[in-house]
Amino acid sequence: MGDGIVTICWDCELEADERSLLATLADCLGYVGRSESWVEAKLIDDPVTTDGFDAFPHVSNEHPGPGWEQTSLLTTVHPESYAIWRQKKADAALAEFPLPEGQKKPGQKLLNERAKAIDPFPTDLLDCLQKDTAWWKQRRWSQPPGSQKVVYWRKANLLEVAPISMPQPSRGHSVTTMLLSLTTPNGNKSAMPTIARTLPQAELFHAALVSKVAKGQRVDCPELTGRDVHGRPLAGSHEHAHVLPLDLDGDGHLDHTPVILDWGYSRRFKSKRTISFHDQMEWCVLNHSAKITWHTEYS
């Protein structure tokens, strides 16, 4: 959370009711700019001088000197100026769809065409402020209706661009678990392997997984095979991957298969992240949760 304070000053006199309204608006202000730019605002009772301000409006033929730069901001036009401009535009647009002379009532088609003709021109500034970006872009406005650009001076070093932070590869997380979700093409759960086939299913899957990693060559993946590159069983405790088919929804059929390896998978194994069983199996690594989701379809 930032603790900076921004002081804004308008060079104008307010009536008591106008000042009360401005104080209420300031108290209700939750953000400035983007919605994540949270702020707390209040109206200052003490008089404020503009001397020493970091930014101020440009005045014709005046330059603050070295160390200052110009920037353009968007603000509303004067309400009376907008009303005059809007009336001219509306009159020109409606001239192409004149009302019938005399006491004859206009047809609904004509009324719709007249309404469509003046639709791009909001009725007043309050109406302008309620139009979102999609609305005025659909009507080919280059900027919000009722707005204008004004020039301000600001100190040249007021804003600094932070250096681009490059993402660093994570080295502290080791993938230790894969969770496989098993389904049938038509979603029929009764066609899934039953819990009576837990051990055979684990052996079949382990053999198929090793075969897909090997791709017809000698397997150098001890975390899956439990053997070193020469085919000798790993010494010490059983630290290779454990395949444990489960019935998580309790319907008597195997629906998930976790593959657990306490000491994590090697870079060589993780480099083979996509392994296809009849082009229907895909494996995705989620970096921070160290979890792999594998979706398998059985025919």
C-alpha atoms as a PDB file:
ATOM      1  CA  MET A   1       0.000   0.000   0.000  1.00  0.00           C
ATOM      2  CA  GLY A   2       1.344   3.416  -0.916  1.00  0.00           C
ATOM      3  CA  ASP A   3       1.325   6.304   1.545  1.00  0.00           C
ATOM      4  CA  GLY A   4       1.789   9.167  -0.935  1.00  0.00           C
ATOM      5  CA  ILE A   5      -0.479  12.207  -0.884  1.00  0.00           C
ATOM      6  CA  VAL A   6      -1.701  14.044  -3.979  1.00  0.00           C
ATOM      7  CA  THR A   7      -3.020  17.570  -3.490  1.00  0.00           C
ATOM      8  CA  ILE A   8      -5.390  18.912  -6.155  1.00  0.00           C
ATOM      9  CA  CYS A   9      -6.439  22.539  -6.312  1.00  0.00           C
ATOM     10  CA  TRP A  10      -9.167  24.201  -8.403  1.00  0.00           C
ATOM     11  CA  ASP A  11      -8.884  27.965  -8.694  1.00  0.00           C
ATOM     12  CA  CYS A  12     -12.558  28.759  -8.146  1.00  0.00           C
ATOM     13  CA  GLU A  13     -15.038  29.900  -5.530  1.00  0.00           C
ATOM     14  CA  LEU A  14     -17.778  27.533  -4.338  1.00  0.00           C
ATOM     15  CA  GLU A  15     -21.094  28.268  -2.707  1.00  0.00           C
ATOM     16  CA  ALA A  16     -21.858  26.521   0.578  1.00  0.00           C
ATOM     17  CA  ASP A  17     -24.069  23.865  -1.035  1.00  0.00           C
ATOM     18  CA  GLU A  18     -21.514  23.260  -3.804  1.00  0.00           C
ATOM     19  CA  ARG A  19     -18.741  22.852  -1.246  1.00  0.00           C
ATOM     20  CA  SER A  20     -20.862  20.401   0.738  1.00  0.00           C
ATOM     21  CA  LEU A  21     -21.535  18.385  -2.425  1.00  0.00           C
ATOM     22  CA  LEU A  22     -17.821  18.315  -3.313  1.00  0.00           C
ATOM     23  CA  ALA A  23     -16.964  17.109   0.207  1.00  0.00           C
ATOM     24  CA  THR A  24     -19.506  14.286  -0.133  1.00  0.00           C
ATOM     25  CA  LEU A  25     -18.116  13.275  -3.524  1.00  0.00           C
ATOM     26  CA  ALA A  26     -14.568  13.233  -2.115  1.00  0.00           C
ATOM     27  CA  ASP A  27     -15.625  11.028   0.811  1.00  0.00           C
ATOM     28  CA  CYS A  28     -17.256   8.566  -1.607  1.00  0.00           C
ATOM     29  CA  LEU A  29     -14.249   8.420  -3.944  1.00  0.00           C
ATOM     30  CA  GLY A  30     -12.835   4.883  -3.867  1.00  0.00           C
ATOM     31  CA  TYR A  31     -10.304   4.921  -6.690  1.00  0.00           C
ATOM     32  CA  VAL A  32      -8.641   7.189  -9.222  1.00  0.00           C
ATOM     33  CA  GLY A  33      -7.945   5.890 -12.723  1.00  0.00           C
ATOM     34  CA  ARG A  34      -8.031   2.119 -12.610  1.00  0.00           C
ATOM     35  CA  SER A  35     -10.261   0.313 -10.140  1.00  0.00           C
ATOM     36  CA  GLU A  36      -7.255  -1.177  -8.336  1.00  0.00           C
ATOM     37  CA  SER A  37      -5.862   2.322  -7.611  1.00  0.00           C
ATOM     38  CA  TRP A  38      -7.526   2.641  -4.210  1.00  0.00           C
ATOM     39  CA  VAL A  39      -7.579   6.079  -2.621  1.00  0.00           C
ATOM     40  CA  GLU A  40      -9.029   7.990   0.298  1.00  0.00           C
ATOM     41  CA  ALA A  41      -9.987  11.577  -0.450  1.00  0.00           C
ATOM     42  CA  LYS A  42     -11.183  14.540   1.596  1.00  0.00           C
ATOM     43  CA  LEU A  43     -11.868  18.227   1.054  1.00  0.00           C
ATOM     44  CA  ILE A  44      -9.313  20.517   2.695  1.00  0.00           C
ATOM     45  CA  ASP A  45     -10.763  23.477   4.557  1.00  0.00           C
ATOM     46  CA  ASP A  46      -7.528  25.421   4.856  1.00  0.00           C
ATOM     47  CA  PRO A  47      -6.556  27.577   1.853  1.00  0.00           C
ATOM     48  CA  VAL A  48      -3.905  26.043  -0.400  1.00  0.00           C
ATOM     49  CA  THR A  49      -1.438  27.903  -2.585  1.00  0.00           C
ATOM     50  CA  THR A  50      -0.370  26.448  -5.898  1.00  0.00           C
ATOM     51  CA  ASP A  51       3.273  27.431  -5.349  1.00  0.00           C
ATOM     52  CA  GLY A  52       5.500  24.363  -5.503  1.00  0.00           C
ATOM     53  CA  PHE A  53       2.974  22.149  -7.316  1.00  0.00           C
ATOM     54  CA  ASP A  54       4.530  19.457  -9.522  1.00  0.00           C
ATOM     55  CA  ALA A  55       1.958  19.956 -12.312  1.00  0.00           C
ATOM     56  CA  PHE A  56      -0.226  22.830 -13.453  1.00  0.00           C
ATOM     57  CA  PRO A  57      -2.225  23.894 -16.547  1.00  0.00           C
ATOM     58  CA  HIS A  58      -0.458  25.466 -19.500  1.00  0.00           C
ATOM     59  CA  VAL A  59      -1.077  29.164 -20.058  1.00  0.00           C
ATOM     60  CA  SER A  60      -0.603  30.550 -23.557  1.00  0.00           C
ATOM     61  CA  ASN A  61       2.845  32.021 -24.235  1.00  0.00           C
ATOM     62  CA  GLU A  62       4.185  31.018 -20.806  1.00  0.00           C
ATOM     63  CA  HIS A  63       6.939  28.479 -20.162  1.00  0.00           C
ATOM     64  CA  PRO A  64       8.096  27.416 -16.687  1.00  0.00           C
ATOM     65  CA  GLY A  65      11.678  26.931 -17.913  1.00  0.00           C
ATOM     66  CA  PRO A  66      14.155  24.028 -17.941  1.00  0.00           C
ATOM     67  CA  GLY A  67      13.239  20.805 -16.167  1.00  0.00           C
ATOM     68  CA  TRP A  68       9.585  20.837 -17.219  1.00  0.00           C
ATOM     69  CA  GLU A  69       7.691  18.911 -19.891  1.00  0.00           C
ATOM     70  CA  GLN A  70       4.201  19.020 -21.365  1.00  0.00           C
ATOM     71  CA  THR A  71       1.576  16.292 -21.161  1.00  0.00           C
ATOM     72  CA  SER A  72      -2.006  16.198 -22.419  1.00  0.00           C
ATOM     73  CA  LEU A  73      -4.974  15.237 -20.258  1.00  0.00           C
ATOM     74  CA  LEU A  74      -8.626  14.598 -21.039  1.00  0.00           C
ATOM     75  CA  THR A  75     -11.349  16.721 -19.477  1.00  0.00           C
ATOM     76  CA  THR A  76     -14.915  17.791 -20.231  1.00  0.00           C
ATOM     77  CA  VAL A  77     -15.830  20.794 -22.330  1.00  0.00           C
ATOM     78  CA  HIS A  78     -17.922  23.573 -20.806  1.00  0.00           C
ATOM     79  CA  PRO A  79     -21.589  22.518 -20.474  1.00  0.00           C
ATOM     80  CA  GLU A  80     -22.844  25.496 -22.487  1.00  0.00           C
ATOM     81  CA  SER A  81     -20.280  24.888 -25.228  1.00  0.00           C
ATOM     82  CA  TYR A  82     -21.358  21.260 -25.493  1.00  0.00           C
ATOM     83  CA  ALA A  83     -25.044  22.203 -25.598  1.00  0.00           C
ATOM     84  CA  ILE A  84     -24.453  24.622 -28.499  1.00  0.00           C
ATOM     85  CA  TRP A  85     -22.302  22.101 -30.383  1.00  0.00           C
ATOM     86  CA  ARG A  86     -24.772  19.302 -29.803  1.00  0.00           C
ATOM     87  CA  GLN A  87     -27.702  21.385 -31.051  1.00  0.00           C
ATOM     88  CA  LYS A  88     -25.889  22.145 -34.302  1.00  0.00           C
ATOM     89  CA  LYS A  89     -25.032  18.480 -34.868  1.00  0.00           C
ATOM     90  CA  ALA A  90     -28.552  17.321 -34.060  1.00  0.00           C
ATOM     91  CA  ASP A  91     -30.132  19.902 -36.384  1.00  0.00           C
ATOM     92  CA  ALA A  92     -27.836  18.850 -39.237  1.00  0.00           C
ATOM     93  CA  ALA A  93     -28.576  15.153 -38.670  1.00  0.00           C
ATOM     94  CA  LEU A  94     -32.355  15.649 -38.421  1.00  0.00           C
ATOM     95  CA  ALA A  95     -32.441  17.807 -41.565  1.00  0.00           C
ATOM     96  CA  GLU A  96     -32.140  14.600 -43.609  1.00  0.00           C
ATOM     97  CA  PHE A  97     -35.344  13.271 -41.995  1.00  0.00           C
ATOM     98  CA  PRO A  98     -37.783  16.235 -41.924  1.00  0.00           C
ATOM     99  CA  LEU A  99     -41.114  15.974 -40.152  1.00  0.00           C
ATOM    100  CA  PRO A 100     -44.239  16.069 -42.313  1.00  0.00           C
ATOM    101  CA  GLU A 101     -45.819  19.472 -42.808  1.00  0.00           C
ATOM    102  CA  GLY A 102     -49.102  20.480 -41.258  1.00  0.00           C
ATOM    103  CA  GLN A 103     -50.852  18.318 -38.707  1.00  0.00           C
ATOM    104  CA  LYS A 104     -49.882  15.042 -40.265  1.00  0.00           C
ATOM    105  CA  LYS A 105     -48.279  12.718 -37.727  1.00  0.00           C
ATOM    106  CA  PRO A 106     -44.882  11.211 -38.553  1.00  0.00           C
ATOM    107  CA  GLY A 107     -44.746   7.462 -39.064  1.00  0.00           C
ATOM    108  CA  GLN A 108     -42.892   5.152 -36.732  1.00  0.00           C
ATOM    109  CA  LYS A 109     -40.220   4.498 -39.360  1.00  0.00           C
ATOM    110  CA  LEU A 110     -39.436   8.217 -39.599  1.00  0.00           C
ATOM    111  CA  LEU A 111     -39.312   8.572 -35.835  1.00  0.00           C
ATOM    112  CA  ASN A 112     -36.912   5.640 -35.607  1.00  0.00           C
ATOM    113  CA  GLU A 113     -34.677   7.159 -38.279  1.00  0.00           C
ATOM    114  CA  ARG A 114     -34.612  10.518 -36.471  1.00  0.00           C
ATOM    115  CA  ALA A 115     -33.766   8.854 -33.165  1.00  0.00           C
ATOM    116  CA  LYS A 116     -30.974   6.886 -34.839  1.00  0.00           C
ATOM    117  CA  ALA A 117     -29.627  10.059 -36.487  1.00  0.00           C
ATOM    118  CA  ILE A 118     -29.082  11.860 -33.161  1.00  0.00           C
ATOM    119  CA  ASP A 119     -28.090   8.733 -31.211  1.00  0.00           C
ATOM    120  CA  PRO A 120     -24.327   9.476 -31.509  1.00  0.00           C
ATOM    121  CA  PHE A 121     -24.818  12.794 -29.683  1.00  0.00           C
ATOM    122  CA  PRO A 122     -25.582  12.451 -25.936  1.00  0.00           C
ATOM    123  CA  THR A 123     -28.110  14.943 -24.623  1.00  0.00           C
ATOM    124  CA  ASP A 124     -25.773  16.661 -22.122  1.00  0.00           C
ATOM    125  CA  LEU A 125     -22.459  16.253 -20.298  1.00  0.00           C
ATOM    126  CA  LEU A 126     -23.957  13.969 -17.665  1.00  0.00           C
ATOM    127  CA  ASP A 127     -25.192  11.714 -20.449  1.00  0.00           C
ATOM    128  CA  CYS A 128     -21.703  11.827 -21.995  1.00  0.00           C
ATOM    129  CA  LEU A 129     -20.057  10.695 -18.760  1.00  0.00           C
ATOM    130  CA  GLN A 130     -22.322   7.646 -18.590  1.00  0.00           C
ATOM    131  CA  LYS A 131     -21.277   6.307 -22.007  1.00  0.00           C
ATOM    132  CA  ASP A 132     -18.712   3.525 -21.883  1.00  0.00           C
ATOM    133  CA  THR A 133     -15.857   2.927 -24.307  1.00  0.00           C
ATOM    134  CA  ALA A 134     -17.771   0.352 -26.359  1.00  0.00           C
ATOM    135  CA  TRP A 135     -20.633   2.812 -26.898  1.00  0.00           C
ATOM    136  CA  TRP A 136     -18.609   5.677 -28.349  1.00  0.00           C
ATOM    137  CA  LYS A 137     -16.330   3.414 -30.374  1.00  0.00           C
ATOM    138  CA  GLN A 138     -19.353   1.784 -32.022  1.00  0.00           C
ATOM    139  CA  ARG A 139     -20.420   5.269 -33.098  1.00  0.00           C
ATOM    140  CA  ARG A 140     -16.925   6.033 -34.423  1.00  0.00           C
ATOM    141  CA  TRP A 141     -15.957   8.595 -31.847  1.00  0.00           C
ATOM    142  CA  SER A 142     -12.174   9.020 -31.637  1.00  0.00           C
ATOM    143  CA  GLN A 143     -12.488  10.031 -27.979  1.00  0.00           C
ATOM    144  CA  PRO A 144     -15.352  10.252 -25.461  1.00  0.00           C
ATOM    145  CA  PRO A 145     -18.085  12.697 -26.495  1.00  0.00           C
ATOM    146  CA  GLY A 146     -18.053  15.996 -24.602  1.00  0.00           C
ATOM    147  CA  SER A 147     -14.318  15.702 -23.899  1.00  0.00           C
ATOM    148  CA  GLN A 148     -11.325  17.761 -24.873  1.00  0.00           C
ATOM    149  CA  LYS A 149      -7.587  17.548 -24.385  1.00  0.00           C
ATOM    150  CA  VAL A 150      -5.821  20.132 -22.252  1.00  0.00           C
ATOM    151  CA  VAL A 151      -2.084  20.666 -21.852  1.00  0.00           C
ATOM    152  CA  TYR A 152      -0.359  20.559 -18.465  1.00  0.00           C
ATOM    153  CA  TRP A 153       3.205  21.180 -17.395  1.00  0.00           C
ATOM    154  CA  ARG A 154       4.900  18.680 -15.117  1.00  0.00           C
ATOM    155  CA  LYS A 155       8.436  18.199 -13.855  1.00  0.00           C
ATOM    156  CA  ALA A 156      10.508  16.205 -16.312  1.00  0.00           C
ATOM    157  CA  ASN A 157      11.617  13.675 -13.670  1.00  0.00           C
ATOM    158  CA  LEU A 158       8.196  13.306 -12.084  1.00  0.00           C
ATOM    159  CA  LEU A 159       7.581   9.864 -13.580  1.00  0.00           C
ATOM    160  CA  GLU A 160      10.184   7.157 -14.040  1.00  0.00           C
ATOM    161  CA  VAL A 161       9.826   3.940 -15.984  1.00  0.00           C
ATOM    162  CA  ALA A 162      10.763   0.959 -13.858  1.00  0.00           C
ATOM    163  CA  PRO A 163      13.161  -1.569 -15.387  1.00  0.00           C
ATOM    164  CA  ILE A 164      11.533  -4.563 -16.989  1.00  0.00           C
ATOM    165  CA  SER A 165      11.574  -7.528 -14.639  1.00  0.00           C
ATOM    166  CA  MET A 166      12.345 -10.756 -16.435  1.00  0.00           C
ATOM    167  CA  PRO A 167      10.707 -13.886 -15.046  1.00  0.00           C
ATOM    168  CA  GLN A 168      13.186 -16.212 -13.423  1.00  0.00           C
ATOM    169  CA  PRO A 169      12.832 -19.980 -13.702  1.00  0.00           C
ATOM    170  CA  SER A 170      11.700 -21.561 -10.492  1.00  0.00           C
ATOM    171  CA  ARG A 171      14.327 -23.799  -8.941  1.00  0.00           C
ATOM    172  CA  GLY A 172      12.801 -24.359  -5.544  1.00  0.00           C
ATOM    173  CA  HIS A 173       9.833 -26.486  -6.618  1.00  0.00           C
ATOM    174  CA  SER A 174      10.084 -30.144  -7.499  1.00  0.00           C
ATOM    175  CA  VAL A 175       7.196 -31.964  -9.158  1.00  0.00           C
ATOM    176  CA  THR A 176       6.415 -34.905  -6.900  1.00  0.00           C
ATOM    177  CA  THR A 177       2.846 -35.881  -7.825  1.00  0.00           C
ATOM    178  CA  MET A 178       0.809 -36.541 -10.933  1.00  0.00           C
ATOM    179  CA  LEU A 179      -2.962 -36.899 -10.693  1.00  0.00           C
ATOM    180  CA  LEU A 180      -4.629 -38.682 -13.601  1.00  0.00           C
ATOM    181  CA  SER A 181      -8.340 -38.325 -14.278  1.00  0.00           C
ATOM    182  CA  LEU A 182      -9.856 -41.290 -16.126  1.00  0.00           C
ATOM    183  CA  THR A 183     -12.990 -41.064 -18.272  1.00  0.00           C
ATOM    184  CA  THR A 184     -14.649 -42.922 -21.122  1.00  0.00           C
ATOM    185  CA  PRO A 185     -15.452 -41.219 -24.447  1.00  0.00           C
ATOM    186  CA  ASN A 186     -19.202 -41.329 -23.746  1.00  0.00           C
ATOM    187  CA  GLY A 187     -18.906 -40.575 -20.022  1.00  0.00           C
ATOM    188  CA  ASN A 188     -20.212 -44.011 -19.002  1.00  0.00           C
ATOM    189  CA  LYS A 189     -18.647 -44.625 -15.579  1.00  0.00           C
ATOM    190  CA  SER A 190     -19.754 -48.263 -15.475  1.00  0.00           C
ATOM    191  CA  ALA A 191     -17.278 -48.975 -18.274  1.00  0.00           C
ATOM    192  CA  MET A 192     -14.378 -47.861 -16.079  1.00  0.00           C
ATOM    193  CA  PRO A 193     -12.111 -50.513 -14.487  1.00  0.00           C
ATOM    194  CA  THR A 194     -13.509 -51.843 -11.207  1.00  0.00           C
ATOM    195  CA  ILE A 195     -11.625 -51.614  -7.922  1.00  0.00           C
ATOM    196  CA  ALA A 196     -11.007 -55.391  -8.171  1.00  0.00           C
ATOM    197  CA  ARG A 197      -8.537 -54.538 -10.959  1.00  0.00           C
ATOM    198  CA  THR A 198      -6.529 -52.038  -8.876  1.00  0.00           C
ATOM    199  CA  LEU A 199      -3.233 -53.987  -8.999  1.00  0.00           C
ATOM    200  CA  PRO A 200      -3.497 -55.182 -12.642  1.00  0.00           C
ATOM    201  CA  GLN A 201      -4.541 -51.697 -13.705  1.00  0.00           C
ATOM    202  CA  ALA A 202      -1.530 -50.161 -11.939  1.00  0.00           C
ATOM    203  CA  GLU A 203       0.829 -52.655 -13.594  1.00  0.00           C
ATOM    204  CA  LEU A 204      -0.694 -52.077 -17.045  1.00  0.00           C
ATOM    205  CA  PHE A 205      -0.467 -48.340 -16.696  1.00  0.00           C
ATOM    206  CA  HIS A 206       3.117 -48.445 -15.400  1.00  0.00           C
ATOM    207  CA  ALA A 207       4.177 -50.621 -18.311  1.00  0.00           C
ATOM    208  CA  ALA A 208       2.422 -48.362 -20.812  1.00  0.00           C
ATOM    209  CA  LEU A 209       3.960 -45.232 -19.277  1.00  0.00           C
ATOM    210  CA  VAL A 210       7.484 -46.630 -19.402  1.00  0.00           C
ATOM    211  CA  SER A 211       6.903 -47.757 -22.985  1.00  0.00           C
ATOM    212  CA  LYS A 212       5.783 -44.297 -24.050  1.00  0.00           C
ATOM    213  CA  VAL A 213       8.755 -42.626 -22.383  1.00  0.00           C
ATOM    214  CA  ALA A 214      11.189 -45.128 -23.931  1.00  0.00           C
ATOM    215  CA  LYS A 215       9.777 -44.881 -27.479  1.00  0.00           C
ATOM    216  CA  GLY A 216      11.481 -48.157 -28.440  1.00  0.00           C
ATOM    217  CA  GLN A 217      14.836 -47.280 -26.860  1.00  0.00           C
ATOM    218  CA  ARG A 218      16.571 -48.058 -23.573  1.00  0.00           C
ATOM    219  CA  VAL A 219      14.858 -46.141 -20.776  1.00  0.00           C
ATOM    220  CA  ASP A 220      16.994 -43.767 -18.717  1.00  0.00           C
ATOM    221  CA  CYS A 221      14.300 -42.723 -16.279  1.00  0.00           C
ATOM    222  CA  PRO A 222      14.975 -44.290 -12.862  1.00  0.00           C
ATOM    223  CA  GLU A 223      12.065 -42.522 -11.197  1.00  0.00           C
ATOM    224  CA  LEU A 224       9.672 -44.581 -13.347  1.00  0.00           C
ATOM    225  CA  THR A 225      11.507 -47.871 -13.797  1.00  0.00           C
ATOM    226  CA  GLY A 226      13.245 -48.224 -10.426  1.00  0.00           C
ATOM    227  CA  ARG A 227      16.418 -49.114 -12.374  1.00  0.00           C
ATOM    228  CA  ASP A 228      19.520 -47.188 -13.384  1.00  0.00           C
ATOM    229  CA  VAL A 229      20.700 -46.602 -16.946  1.00  0.00           C
ATOM    230  CA  HIS A 230      22.259 -50.097 -17.037  1.00  0.00           C
ATOM    231  CA  GLY A 231      19.020 -51.783 -15.955  1.00  0.00           C
ATOM    232  CA  ARG A 232      20.186 -52.544 -12.409  1.00  0.00           C
ATOM    233  CA  PRO A 233      17.641 -52.095  -9.571  1.00  0.00           C
ATOM    234  CA  LEU A 234      18.148 -48.911  -7.585  1.00  0.00           C
ATOM    235  CA  ALA A 235      20.006 -49.411  -4.318  1.00  0.00           C
ATOM    236  CA  GLY A 236      18.415 -48.368  -1.038  1.00  0.00           C
ATOM    237  CA  SER A 237      14.742 -47.724  -0.347  1.00  0.00           C
ATOM    238  CA  HIS A 238      12.010 -47.909  -2.947  1.00  0.00           C
ATOM    239  CA  GLU A 239      12.118 -44.282  -4.098  1.00  0.00           C
ATOM    240  CA  HIS A 240      10.777 -44.778  -7.602  1.00  0.00           C
ATOM    241  CA  ALA A 241       7.288 -43.681  -8.630  1.00  0.00           C
ATOM    242  CA  HIS A 242       4.276 -45.283  -6.959  1.00  0.00           C
ATOM    243  CA  VAL A 243       1.164 -45.864  -9.075  1.00  0.00           C
ATOM    244  CA  LEU A 244      -1.986 -46.035  -6.941  1.00  0.00           C
ATOM    245  CA  PRO A 245      -5.317 -46.290  -8.817  1.00  0.00           C
ATOM    246  CA  LEU A 246      -8.180 -44.859  -6.733  1.00  0.00           C
ATOM    247  CA  ASP A 247     -11.952 -44.752  -6.613  1.00  0.00           C
ATOM    248  CA  LEU A 248     -12.513 -41.178  -5.392  1.00  0.00           C
ATOM    249  CA  ASP A 249     -16.284 -41.014  -5.918  1.00  0.00           C
ATOM    250  CA  GLY A 250     -16.961 -44.377  -4.230  1.00  0.00           C
ATOM    251  CA  ASP A 251     -18.883 -45.971  -7.106  1.00  0.00           C
ATOM    252  CA  GLY A 252     -16.721 -49.091  -7.251  1.00  0.00           C
ATOM    253  CA  HIS A 253     -14.817 -48.028 -10.375  1.00  0.00           C
ATOM    254  CA  LEU A 254     -11.330 -46.593 -10.686  1.00  0.00           C
ATOM    255  CA  ASP A 255     -11.511 -42.927 -11.736  1.00  0.00           C
ATOM    256  CA  HIS A 256      -8.133 -41.411 -10.752  1.00  0.00           C
ATOM    257  CA  THR A 257      -4.539 -42.588 -10.642  1.00  0.00           C
ATOM    258  CA  PRO A 258      -1.957 -40.643  -8.624  1.00  0.00           C
ATOM    259  CA  VAL A 259       1.685 -41.202  -9.510  1.00  0.00           C
ATOM    260  CA  ILE A 260       3.805 -40.211  -6.514  1.00  0.00           C
ATOM    261  CA  LEU A 261       7.561 -39.732  -6.303  1.00  0.00           C
ATOM    262  CA  ASP A 262       8.843 -38.258  -3.049  1.00  0.00           C
ATOM    263  CA  TRP A 263      12.170 -37.017  -4.421  1.00  0.00           C
ATOM    264  CA  GLY A 264      10.679 -35.439  -7.555  1.00  0.00           C
ATOM    265  CA  TYR A 265      10.967 -36.164 -11.247  1.00  0.00           C
ATOM    266  CA  SER A 266      14.202 -35.564 -13.119  1.00  0.00           C
ATOM    267  CA  ARG A 267      14.562 -32.860 -15.742  1.00  0.00           C
ATOM    268  CA  ARG A 268      14.783 -35.570 -18.383  1.00  0.00           C
ATOM    269  CA  PHE A 269      11.432 -36.988 -17.345  1.00  0.00           C
ATOM    270  CA  LYS A 270       9.786 -33.559 -17.105  1.00  0.00           C
ATOM    271  CA  SER A 271      11.074 -32.676 -20.563  1.00  0.00           C
ATOM    272  CA  LYS A 272       8.763 -35.428 -21.888  1.00  0.00           C
ATOM    273  CA  ARG A 273       5.678 -33.591 -20.649  1.00  0.00           C
ATOM    274  CA  THR A 274       3.459 -34.638 -23.532  1.00  0.00           C
ATOM    275  CA  ILE A 275       2.982 -38.388 -23.896  1.00  0.00           C
ATOM    276  CA  SER A 276       0.156 -39.710 -26.068  1.00  0.00           C
ATOM    277  CA  PHE A 277      -1.912 -42.861 -25.604  1.00  0.00           C
ATOM    278  CA  HIS A 278      -3.729 -43.149 -28.941  1.00  0.00           C
ATOM    279  CA  ASP A 279      -3.467 -39.317 -29.062  1.00  0.00           C
ATOM    280  CA  GLN A 280      -5.914 -39.077 -26.148  1.00  0.00           C
ATOM    281  CA  MET A 281      -3.663 -38.435 -23.153  1.00  0.00           C
ATOM    282  CA  GLU A 282      -2.164 -35.099 -22.232  1.00  0.00           C
ATOM    283  CA  TRP A 283      -0.175 -34.016 -19.238  1.00  0.00           C
ATOM    284  CA  CYS A 284       0.112 -30.451 -17.937  1.00  0.00           C
ATOM    285  CA  VAL A 285       2.507 -29.232 -15.226  1.00  0.00           C
ATOM    286  CA  LEU A 286       1.287 -26.550 -12.808  1.00  0.00           C
ATOM    287  CA  ASN A 287       4.488 -24.893 -11.632  1.00  0.00           C
ATOM    288  CA  HIS A 288       3.670 -23.692  -8.147  1.00  0.00           C
ATOM    289  CA  SER A 289       1.367 -26.473  -6.971  1.00  0.00           C
ATOM    290  CA  ALA A 290       3.775 -29.186  -8.150  1.00  0.00           C
ATOM    291  CA  LYS A 291       0.800 -31.106  -9.471  1.00  0.00           C
ATOM    292  CA  ILE A 292       0.243 -32.713 -12.844  1.00  0.00           C
ATOM    293  CA  THR A 293      -3.217 -33.378 -14.234  1.00  0.00           C
ATOM    294  CA  TRP A 294      -3.456 -36.179 -16.754  1.00  0.00           C
ATOM    295  CA  HIS A 295      -6.690 -36.881 -18.616  1.00  0.00           C
ATOM    296  CA  THR A 296      -7.068 -40.385 -20.026  1.00  0.00           C
ATOM    297  CA  GLU A 297      -9.854 -41.813 -22.166  1.00  0.00           C
ATOM    298  CA  TYR A 298     -10.568 -45.532 -22.210  1.00  0.00           C
ATOM    299  CA  SER A 299     -12.253 -47.151 -25.175  1.00  0.00           C
END
